[in-house]
Amino acid sequence: MTDIAVQTDTSQIVVEELFPYAPETLWKMLTTPALIGRWLMEPTGFSPTQGARFTFQTTPAGAWDGVIQCEVLEVVPNERLSFAWRGGDDANQGYGSRLDTVVTWTLAREGDSTRLRLAHSGFHLPRNETAYTRMSAGWTNIIGKIGDLADTRN
């Protein structure tokens, strides 16, 4: 019998920032649909419950209708939220290519502050190069928007 190692070329985006808030404040930003709509996109059907399915709508491209299909994979209140992020179409190249990834938010208390960490994993390169590049910059901006929104709510 021969062992064959299957090597996939995947990448992840990691962005983190320390905020002067309790984890509960940032958790609310991550799990309240109306607030999610203010820093990302309005989710349809979101609930911070394992197994919950929801969608985001973005700009369609080619054979893809622009719907991002998500499913909550893990919920640990005030600590961790993880969900599948799937979209695109096999017929598309560049923007709108098939994407099957996972978004994980982690909150860690550090003194009177909280470190918010986003890891968006599972980008298959070069197929998802466009999404990876655009979302790398996008998630950095989104972390800032979450902080700005938290500022206005405290």
N, C-alpha and C. Protein backbone atom coordinates (compact mmCIF):
# COMPACT_ATOMS: atom_id res chain seq x y z
N MET A 1 0.85 -1.17 0.00
CA MET A 1 0.00 0.00 0.00
C MET A 1 0.90 1.24 0.00
N THR A 2 0.52 2.22 -0.78
CA THR A 2 1.29 3.45 -0.92
C THR A 2 0.57 4.60 -0.22
N ASP A 3 1.30 5.34 0.58
CA ASP A 3 0.72 6.53 1.19
C ASP A 3 0.90 7.69 0.23
N ILE A 4 -0.19 8.35 -0.07
CA ILE A 4 -0.14 9.51 -0.95
C ILE A 4 -0.54 10.73 -0.13
N ALA A 5 0.35 11.68 -0.10
CA ALA A 5 0.05 12.91 0.63
C ALA A 5 -0.65 13.87 -0.33
N VAL A 6 -1.83 14.31 0.06
CA VAL A 6 -2.57 15.27 -0.73
C VAL A 6 -2.25 16.65 -0.17
N GLN A 7 -1.68 17.47 -0.99
CA GLN A 7 -1.30 18.80 -0.55
C GLN A 7 -2.20 19.81 -1.24
N THR A 8 -2.88 20.59 -0.45
CA THR A 8 -3.72 21.64 -1.02
C THR A 8 -3.04 22.97 -0.77
N ASP A 9 -3.18 23.84 -1.72
CA ASP A 9 -2.57 25.15 -1.62
C ASP A 9 -3.64 26.12 -1.13
N THR A 10 -3.82 26.19 0.18
CA THR A 10 -4.82 27.10 0.74
C THR A 10 -4.13 28.16 1.57
N SER A 11 -4.80 29.28 1.66
CA SER A 11 -4.30 30.40 2.45
C SER A 11 -5.41 30.92 3.34
N GLN A 12 -5.01 31.69 4.33
CA GLN A 12 -5.99 32.32 5.20
C GLN A 12 -5.63 33.79 5.41
N ILE A 13 -6.65 34.56 5.73
CA ILE A 13 -6.50 35.96 6.08
C ILE A 13 -6.64 36.04 7.59
N VAL A 14 -5.71 36.71 8.24
CA VAL A 14 -5.79 36.91 9.68
C VAL A 14 -5.64 38.40 9.96
N VAL A 15 -6.62 38.94 10.70
CA VAL A 15 -6.57 40.34 11.10
C VAL A 15 -6.95 40.38 12.57
N GLU A 16 -6.18 41.13 13.36
CA GLU A 16 -6.55 41.25 14.77
C GLU A 16 -6.26 42.66 15.27
N GLU A 17 -7.02 43.02 16.29
CA GLU A 17 -6.88 44.36 16.87
C GLU A 17 -7.30 44.29 18.33
N LEU A 18 -6.67 45.13 19.14
CA LEU A 18 -7.01 45.24 20.56
C LEU A 18 -7.95 46.42 20.72
N PHE A 19 -9.10 46.19 21.34
CA PHE A 19 -10.10 47.24 21.57
C PHE A 19 -10.31 47.46 23.06
N PRO A 20 -10.58 48.70 23.46
CA PRO A 20 -10.77 49.01 24.89
C PRO A 20 -12.18 48.69 25.39
N TYR A 21 -12.68 47.50 25.05
CA TYR A 21 -14.04 47.10 25.43
C TYR A 21 -14.02 45.70 26.01
N ALA A 22 -15.06 45.39 26.76
CA ALA A 22 -15.25 44.03 27.25
C ALA A 22 -15.64 43.12 26.08
N PRO A 23 -15.35 41.84 26.17
CA PRO A 23 -15.76 40.92 25.10
C PRO A 23 -17.25 41.00 24.78
N GLU A 24 -18.07 41.22 25.80
CA GLU A 24 -19.53 41.28 25.59
C GLU A 24 -19.93 42.38 24.61
N THR A 25 -19.21 43.50 24.64
CA THR A 25 -19.51 44.60 23.72
C THR A 25 -19.22 44.20 22.28
N LEU A 26 -18.06 43.59 22.05
CA LEU A 26 -17.71 43.17 20.70
C LEU A 26 -18.56 41.98 20.24
N TRP A 27 -18.91 41.11 21.17
CA TRP A 27 -19.77 39.97 20.83
C TRP A 27 -21.10 40.48 20.28
N LYS A 28 -21.63 41.52 20.88
CA LYS A 28 -22.89 42.10 20.41
C LYS A 28 -22.72 42.60 18.96
N MET A 29 -21.58 43.19 18.64
CA MET A 29 -21.31 43.68 17.28
C MET A 29 -21.31 42.51 16.28
N LEU A 30 -20.81 41.35 16.73
CA LEU A 30 -20.66 40.19 15.86
C LEU A 30 -21.92 39.35 15.72
N THR A 31 -22.88 39.51 16.63
CA THR A 31 -24.01 38.58 16.67
C THR A 31 -25.38 39.24 16.57
N THR A 32 -25.45 40.54 16.41
CA THR A 32 -26.72 41.24 16.27
C THR A 32 -26.92 41.58 14.79
N PRO A 33 -27.90 40.98 14.13
CA PRO A 33 -28.05 41.18 12.68
C PRO A 33 -28.04 42.65 12.23
N ALA A 34 -28.76 43.52 12.93
CA ALA A 34 -28.79 44.93 12.51
C ALA A 34 -27.41 45.57 12.60
N LEU A 35 -26.62 45.17 13.60
CA LEU A 35 -25.26 45.71 13.74
C LEU A 35 -24.33 45.11 12.68
N ILE A 36 -24.48 43.82 12.40
CA ILE A 36 -23.67 43.19 11.35
C ILE A 36 -23.88 43.93 10.03
N GLY A 37 -25.11 44.31 9.77
CA GLY A 37 -25.43 45.04 8.54
C GLY A 37 -24.73 46.39 8.46
N ARG A 38 -24.33 46.94 9.59
CA ARG A 38 -23.66 48.24 9.60
C ARG A 38 -22.16 48.13 9.35
N TRP A 39 -21.55 46.98 9.61
CA TRP A 39 -20.11 46.85 9.37
C TRP A 39 -19.75 45.87 8.26
N LEU A 40 -20.70 45.06 7.82
CA LEU A 40 -20.41 44.09 6.76
C LEU A 40 -21.49 44.17 5.68
N MET A 41 -22.48 43.32 5.80
CA MET A 41 -23.65 43.29 4.92
C MET A 41 -24.81 42.82 5.80
N GLU A 42 -26.01 43.19 5.41
CA GLU A 42 -27.19 42.73 6.15
C GLU A 42 -27.36 41.23 5.96
N PRO A 43 -27.30 40.45 7.05
CA PRO A 43 -27.50 39.01 6.91
C PRO A 43 -28.99 38.68 6.86
N THR A 44 -29.34 37.65 6.13
CA THR A 44 -30.72 37.16 6.09
C THR A 44 -30.75 35.82 6.80
N GLY A 45 -31.49 35.76 7.90
CA GLY A 45 -31.65 34.51 8.64
C GLY A 45 -30.59 34.23 9.68
N PHE A 46 -29.72 35.20 9.98
CA PHE A 46 -28.64 34.94 10.94
C PHE A 46 -29.16 34.78 12.36
N SER A 47 -28.61 33.81 13.05
CA SER A 47 -28.82 33.59 14.47
C SER A 47 -27.52 33.01 15.01
N PRO A 48 -27.04 33.50 16.17
CA PRO A 48 -25.80 32.95 16.72
C PRO A 48 -26.04 31.58 17.39
N THR A 49 -26.50 30.64 16.57
CA THR A 49 -26.86 29.31 17.03
C THR A 49 -26.19 28.30 16.10
N GLN A 50 -25.48 27.35 16.67
CA GLN A 50 -24.81 26.34 15.84
C GLN A 50 -25.82 25.67 14.92
N GLY A 51 -25.46 25.57 13.65
CA GLY A 51 -26.32 24.96 12.65
C GLY A 51 -27.21 25.95 11.92
N ALA A 52 -27.34 27.18 12.42
CA ALA A 52 -28.17 28.18 11.75
C ALA A 52 -27.59 28.50 10.38
N ARG A 53 -28.47 28.57 9.39
CA ARG A 53 -28.07 28.91 8.03
C ARG A 53 -28.54 30.32 7.73
N PHE A 54 -27.68 31.08 7.04
CA PHE A 54 -28.02 32.44 6.68
C PHE A 54 -27.29 32.83 5.41
N THR A 55 -27.65 33.97 4.86
CA THR A 55 -27.02 34.43 3.63
C THR A 55 -26.65 35.90 3.71
N PHE A 56 -25.71 36.28 2.86
CA PHE A 56 -25.39 37.66 2.56
C PHE A 56 -25.60 37.82 1.05
N GLN A 57 -25.94 39.02 0.62
CA GLN A 57 -26.08 39.30 -0.81
C GLN A 57 -25.03 40.32 -1.20
N THR A 58 -24.23 39.98 -2.19
CA THR A 58 -23.22 40.90 -2.72
C THR A 58 -23.42 41.01 -4.23
N THR A 59 -22.50 41.64 -4.90
CA THR A 59 -22.61 41.88 -6.33
C THR A 59 -22.48 40.57 -7.12
N PRO A 60 -23.49 40.23 -7.93
CA PRO A 60 -23.41 39.02 -8.76
C PRO A 60 -22.28 39.13 -9.80
N ALA A 61 -21.84 37.97 -10.27
CA ALA A 61 -20.80 37.93 -11.31
C ALA A 61 -20.97 36.68 -12.14
N GLY A 62 -21.09 36.85 -13.45
CA GLY A 62 -21.20 35.70 -14.34
C GLY A 62 -22.31 34.76 -13.91
N ALA A 63 -21.97 33.50 -13.73
CA ALA A 63 -22.94 32.47 -13.36
C ALA A 63 -23.33 32.51 -11.88
N TRP A 64 -22.68 33.36 -11.10
CA TRP A 64 -22.96 33.44 -9.66
C TRP A 64 -23.96 34.55 -9.38
N ASP A 65 -24.97 34.26 -8.57
CA ASP A 65 -26.02 35.22 -8.24
C ASP A 65 -25.64 36.21 -7.14
N GLY A 66 -24.43 36.10 -6.59
CA GLY A 66 -23.98 37.01 -5.55
C GLY A 66 -24.38 36.61 -4.14
N VAL A 67 -25.04 35.47 -3.99
CA VAL A 67 -25.47 35.03 -2.66
C VAL A 67 -24.33 34.26 -1.99
N ILE A 68 -23.99 34.67 -0.78
CA ILE A 68 -23.00 33.97 0.04
C ILE A 68 -23.79 33.11 1.02
N GLN A 69 -23.62 31.81 0.92
CA GLN A 69 -24.31 30.85 1.77
C GLN A 69 -23.46 30.60 3.01
N CYS A 70 -24.05 30.76 4.19
CA CYS A 70 -23.31 30.59 5.44
C CYS A 70 -24.03 29.62 6.37
N GLU A 71 -23.25 29.01 7.23
CA GLU A 71 -23.80 28.15 8.28
C GLU A 71 -22.95 28.33 9.53
N VAL A 72 -23.59 28.59 10.65
CA VAL A 72 -22.87 28.75 11.91
C VAL A 72 -22.32 27.39 12.32
N LEU A 73 -21.00 27.34 12.50
CA LEU A 73 -20.31 26.09 12.85
C LEU A 73 -20.02 25.97 14.34
N GLU A 74 -19.76 27.10 14.99
CA GLU A 74 -19.39 27.07 16.41
C GLU A 74 -19.79 28.39 17.07
N VAL A 75 -20.32 28.28 18.27
CA VAL A 75 -20.69 29.45 19.07
C VAL A 75 -20.25 29.22 20.50
N VAL A 76 -19.34 30.06 20.98
CA VAL A 76 -18.96 30.09 22.38
C VAL A 76 -19.15 31.55 22.79
N PRO A 77 -20.28 31.87 23.44
CA PRO A 77 -20.61 33.27 23.71
C PRO A 77 -19.45 34.06 24.32
N ASN A 78 -19.23 35.23 23.74
CA ASN A 78 -18.20 36.18 24.17
C ASN A 78 -16.78 35.68 23.96
N GLU A 79 -16.61 34.55 23.23
CA GLU A 79 -15.28 34.00 22.98
C GLU A 79 -15.01 33.64 21.52
N ARG A 80 -15.98 32.96 20.86
CA ARG A 80 -15.69 32.44 19.52
C ARG A 80 -16.97 32.25 18.72
N LEU A 81 -16.90 32.69 17.46
CA LEU A 81 -17.98 32.50 16.51
C LEU A 81 -17.35 32.07 15.19
N SER A 82 -17.83 30.97 14.64
CA SER A 82 -17.26 30.45 13.39
C SER A 82 -18.40 30.08 12.47
N PHE A 83 -18.25 30.44 11.17
CA PHE A 83 -19.27 30.06 10.21
C PHE A 83 -18.66 29.79 8.83
N ALA A 84 -19.31 28.88 8.10
CA ALA A 84 -18.94 28.60 6.72
C ALA A 84 -19.33 29.80 5.87
N TRP A 85 -18.53 30.07 4.84
CA TRP A 85 -18.75 31.19 3.91
C TRP A 85 -18.54 30.61 2.51
N ARG A 86 -19.65 30.36 1.80
CA ARG A 86 -19.58 29.69 0.50
C ARG A 86 -20.29 30.53 -0.56
N GLY A 87 -19.69 30.57 -1.73
CA GLY A 87 -20.32 31.29 -2.83
C GLY A 87 -19.58 31.05 -4.11
N GLY A 88 -19.93 31.84 -5.10
CA GLY A 88 -19.27 31.74 -6.39
C GLY A 88 -19.79 30.61 -7.24
N ASP A 89 -19.15 30.43 -8.38
CA ASP A 89 -19.55 29.40 -9.33
C ASP A 89 -18.30 28.87 -10.02
N ASP A 90 -18.30 27.58 -10.30
CA ASP A 90 -17.15 26.95 -10.96
C ASP A 90 -16.85 27.54 -12.33
N ALA A 91 -17.85 28.10 -12.98
CA ALA A 91 -17.65 28.66 -14.32
C ALA A 91 -16.95 30.02 -14.29
N ASN A 92 -16.90 30.65 -13.14
CA ASN A 92 -16.30 31.98 -13.04
C ASN A 92 -14.81 31.92 -12.80
N GLN A 93 -14.10 32.87 -13.39
CA GLN A 93 -12.68 33.08 -13.12
C GLN A 93 -12.57 34.43 -12.40
N GLY A 94 -11.62 34.56 -11.50
CA GLY A 94 -11.46 35.82 -10.78
C GLY A 94 -12.62 36.04 -9.83
N TYR A 95 -13.19 37.26 -9.84
CA TYR A 95 -14.31 37.57 -8.94
C TYR A 95 -15.47 36.63 -9.24
N GLY A 96 -16.00 36.04 -8.19
CA GLY A 96 -17.13 35.14 -8.34
C GLY A 96 -16.77 33.69 -8.57
N SER A 97 -15.45 33.36 -8.47
CA SER A 97 -15.07 31.95 -8.59
C SER A 97 -15.55 31.20 -7.36
N ARG A 98 -15.67 29.88 -7.46
CA ARG A 98 -16.17 29.05 -6.35
C ARG A 98 -15.33 29.29 -5.10
N LEU A 99 -16.00 29.54 -3.98
CA LEU A 99 -15.35 29.82 -2.71
C LEU A 99 -16.01 28.97 -1.64
N ASP A 100 -15.22 28.22 -0.88
CA ASP A 100 -15.72 27.38 0.21
C ASP A 100 -14.76 27.57 1.38
N THR A 101 -15.08 28.54 2.24
CA THR A 101 -14.17 28.97 3.28
C THR A 101 -14.84 29.00 4.65
N VAL A 102 -14.07 29.34 5.68
CA VAL A 102 -14.59 29.44 7.05
C VAL A 102 -14.10 30.75 7.65
N VAL A 103 -15.04 31.47 8.26
CA VAL A 103 -14.74 32.72 8.98
C VAL A 103 -14.82 32.41 10.47
N THR A 104 -13.76 32.75 11.21
CA THR A 104 -13.74 32.51 12.65
C THR A 104 -13.36 33.80 13.37
N TRP A 105 -14.22 34.21 14.27
CA TRP A 105 -13.97 35.37 15.13
C TRP A 105 -13.61 34.85 16.51
N THR A 106 -12.52 35.35 17.09
CA THR A 106 -12.10 34.97 18.43
C THR A 106 -11.94 36.24 19.26
N LEU A 107 -12.47 36.21 20.47
CA LEU A 107 -12.35 37.34 21.40
C LEU A 107 -11.57 36.86 22.62
N ALA A 108 -10.55 37.61 22.99
CA ALA A 108 -9.73 37.24 24.15
C ALA A 108 -9.53 38.47 25.03
N ARG A 109 -9.95 38.35 26.27
CA ARG A 109 -9.79 39.46 27.21
C ARG A 109 -8.31 39.66 27.51
N GLU A 110 -7.90 40.92 27.48
CA GLU A 110 -6.53 41.30 27.87
C GLU A 110 -6.65 42.51 28.77
N GLY A 111 -6.65 42.25 30.07
CA GLY A 111 -6.83 43.34 31.04
C GLY A 111 -8.22 43.92 30.89
N ASP A 112 -8.30 45.24 30.67
CA ASP A 112 -9.59 45.92 30.49
C ASP A 112 -9.99 45.97 29.01
N SER A 113 -9.24 45.31 28.18
CA SER A 113 -9.47 45.34 26.73
C SER A 113 -9.78 43.95 26.20
N THR A 114 -10.10 43.89 24.89
CA THR A 114 -10.36 42.61 24.23
C THR A 114 -9.64 42.59 22.90
N ARG A 115 -8.93 41.49 22.66
CA ARG A 115 -8.30 41.27 21.36
C ARG A 115 -9.31 40.56 20.47
N LEU A 116 -9.65 41.20 19.36
CA LEU A 116 -10.56 40.64 18.38
C LEU A 116 -9.72 40.11 17.23
N ARG A 117 -9.89 38.83 16.93
CA ARG A 117 -9.11 38.19 15.87
C ARG A 117 -10.06 37.57 14.85
N LEU A 118 -9.82 37.88 13.60
CA LEU A 118 -10.55 37.27 12.51
C LEU A 118 -9.60 36.37 11.74
N ALA A 119 -10.03 35.14 11.48
CA ALA A 119 -9.30 34.25 10.59
C ALA A 119 -10.29 33.77 9.53
N HIS A 120 -10.01 34.10 8.28
CA HIS A 120 -10.85 33.64 7.16
C HIS A 120 -9.99 32.65 6.39
N SER A 121 -10.31 31.38 6.50
CA SER A 121 -9.43 30.32 5.98
C SER A 121 -10.08 29.53 4.85
N GLY A 122 -9.21 28.86 4.08
CA GLY A 122 -9.68 27.96 3.04
C GLY A 122 -9.63 28.50 1.63
N PHE A 123 -8.90 29.57 1.40
CA PHE A 123 -8.77 30.12 0.06
C PHE A 123 -7.84 29.22 -0.76
N HIS A 124 -8.36 28.68 -1.86
CA HIS A 124 -7.57 27.84 -2.74
C HIS A 124 -6.93 28.75 -3.80
N LEU A 125 -5.61 28.80 -3.75
CA LEU A 125 -4.88 29.65 -4.69
C LEU A 125 -4.31 28.78 -5.80
N PRO A 126 -4.33 29.21 -7.02
CA PRO A 126 -4.65 30.57 -7.47
C PRO A 126 -6.14 30.81 -7.76
N ARG A 127 -6.99 29.77 -7.71
CA ARG A 127 -8.40 29.93 -8.06
C ARG A 127 -9.07 31.10 -7.33
N ASN A 128 -8.81 31.24 -6.02
CA ASN A 128 -9.47 32.28 -5.22
C ASN A 128 -8.60 33.52 -5.01
N GLU A 129 -7.61 33.71 -5.85
CA GLU A 129 -6.68 34.83 -5.69
C GLU A 129 -7.39 36.18 -5.63
N THR A 130 -8.38 36.39 -6.49
CA THR A 130 -9.11 37.66 -6.50
C THR A 130 -9.83 37.88 -5.18
N ALA A 131 -10.56 36.88 -4.72
CA ALA A 131 -11.27 37.00 -3.44
C ALA A 131 -10.29 37.20 -2.29
N TYR A 132 -9.21 36.45 -2.30
CA TYR A 132 -8.21 36.55 -1.23
C TYR A 132 -7.63 37.97 -1.16
N THR A 133 -7.27 38.52 -2.28
CA THR A 133 -6.68 39.86 -2.33
C THR A 133 -7.68 40.92 -1.88
N ARG A 134 -8.90 40.86 -2.44
CA ARG A 134 -9.91 41.86 -2.09
C ARG A 134 -10.34 41.74 -0.63
N MET A 135 -10.51 40.52 -0.15
CA MET A 135 -10.97 40.33 1.22
C MET A 135 -9.87 40.62 2.23
N SER A 136 -8.62 40.47 1.86
CA SER A 136 -7.53 40.82 2.79
C SER A 136 -7.63 42.29 3.17
N ALA A 137 -7.82 43.14 2.19
CA ALA A 137 -7.98 44.57 2.46
C ALA A 137 -9.34 44.84 3.11
N GLY A 138 -10.36 44.15 2.63
CA GLY A 138 -11.71 44.37 3.14
C GLY A 138 -11.85 44.04 4.62
N TRP A 139 -11.32 42.90 5.06
CA TRP A 139 -11.44 42.52 6.47
C TRP A 139 -10.71 43.51 7.37
N THR A 140 -9.59 44.05 6.91
CA THR A 140 -8.88 45.07 7.70
C THR A 140 -9.78 46.28 7.91
N ASN A 141 -10.46 46.72 6.86
CA ASN A 141 -11.39 47.85 6.98
C ASN A 141 -12.57 47.51 7.88
N ILE A 142 -13.05 46.28 7.78
CA ILE A 142 -14.21 45.87 8.57
C ILE A 142 -13.88 45.85 10.06
N ILE A 143 -12.70 45.39 10.43
CA ILE A 143 -12.31 45.41 11.85
C ILE A 143 -12.37 46.86 12.37
N GLY A 144 -11.91 47.81 11.57
CA GLY A 144 -11.99 49.21 11.94
C GLY A 144 -13.42 49.68 12.10
N LYS A 145 -14.31 49.23 11.21
CA LYS A 145 -15.73 49.62 11.30
C LYS A 145 -16.37 49.07 12.57
N ILE A 146 -15.99 47.84 12.95
CA ILE A 146 -16.53 47.26 14.19
C ILE A 146 -16.11 48.12 15.37
N GLY A 147 -14.83 48.54 15.39
CA GLY A 147 -14.35 49.41 16.47
C GLY A 147 -15.06 50.75 16.48
N ASP A 148 -15.27 51.34 15.31
CA ASP A 148 -15.99 52.62 15.23
C ASP A 148 -17.42 52.47 15.73
N LEU A 149 -18.08 51.40 15.36
CA LEU A 149 -19.45 51.16 15.80
C LEU A 149 -19.51 50.93 17.31
N ALA A 150 -18.55 50.19 17.84
CA ALA A 150 -18.49 49.98 19.29
C ALA A 150 -18.28 51.30 20.02
N ASP A 151 -17.48 52.21 19.42
CA ASP A 151 -17.26 53.54 20.01
C ASP A 151 -18.56 54.29 20.19
N THR A 152 -19.45 54.19 19.20
CA THR A 152 -20.70 54.95 19.25
C THR A 152 -21.72 54.31 20.18
N ARG A 153 -21.53 53.07 20.53
CA ARG A 153 -22.51 52.36 21.37
C ARG A 153 -22.09 52.32 22.84
N ASN A 154 -20.92 52.86 23.17
CA ASN A 154 -20.46 52.88 24.56
C ASN A 154 -20.50 54.27 25.13
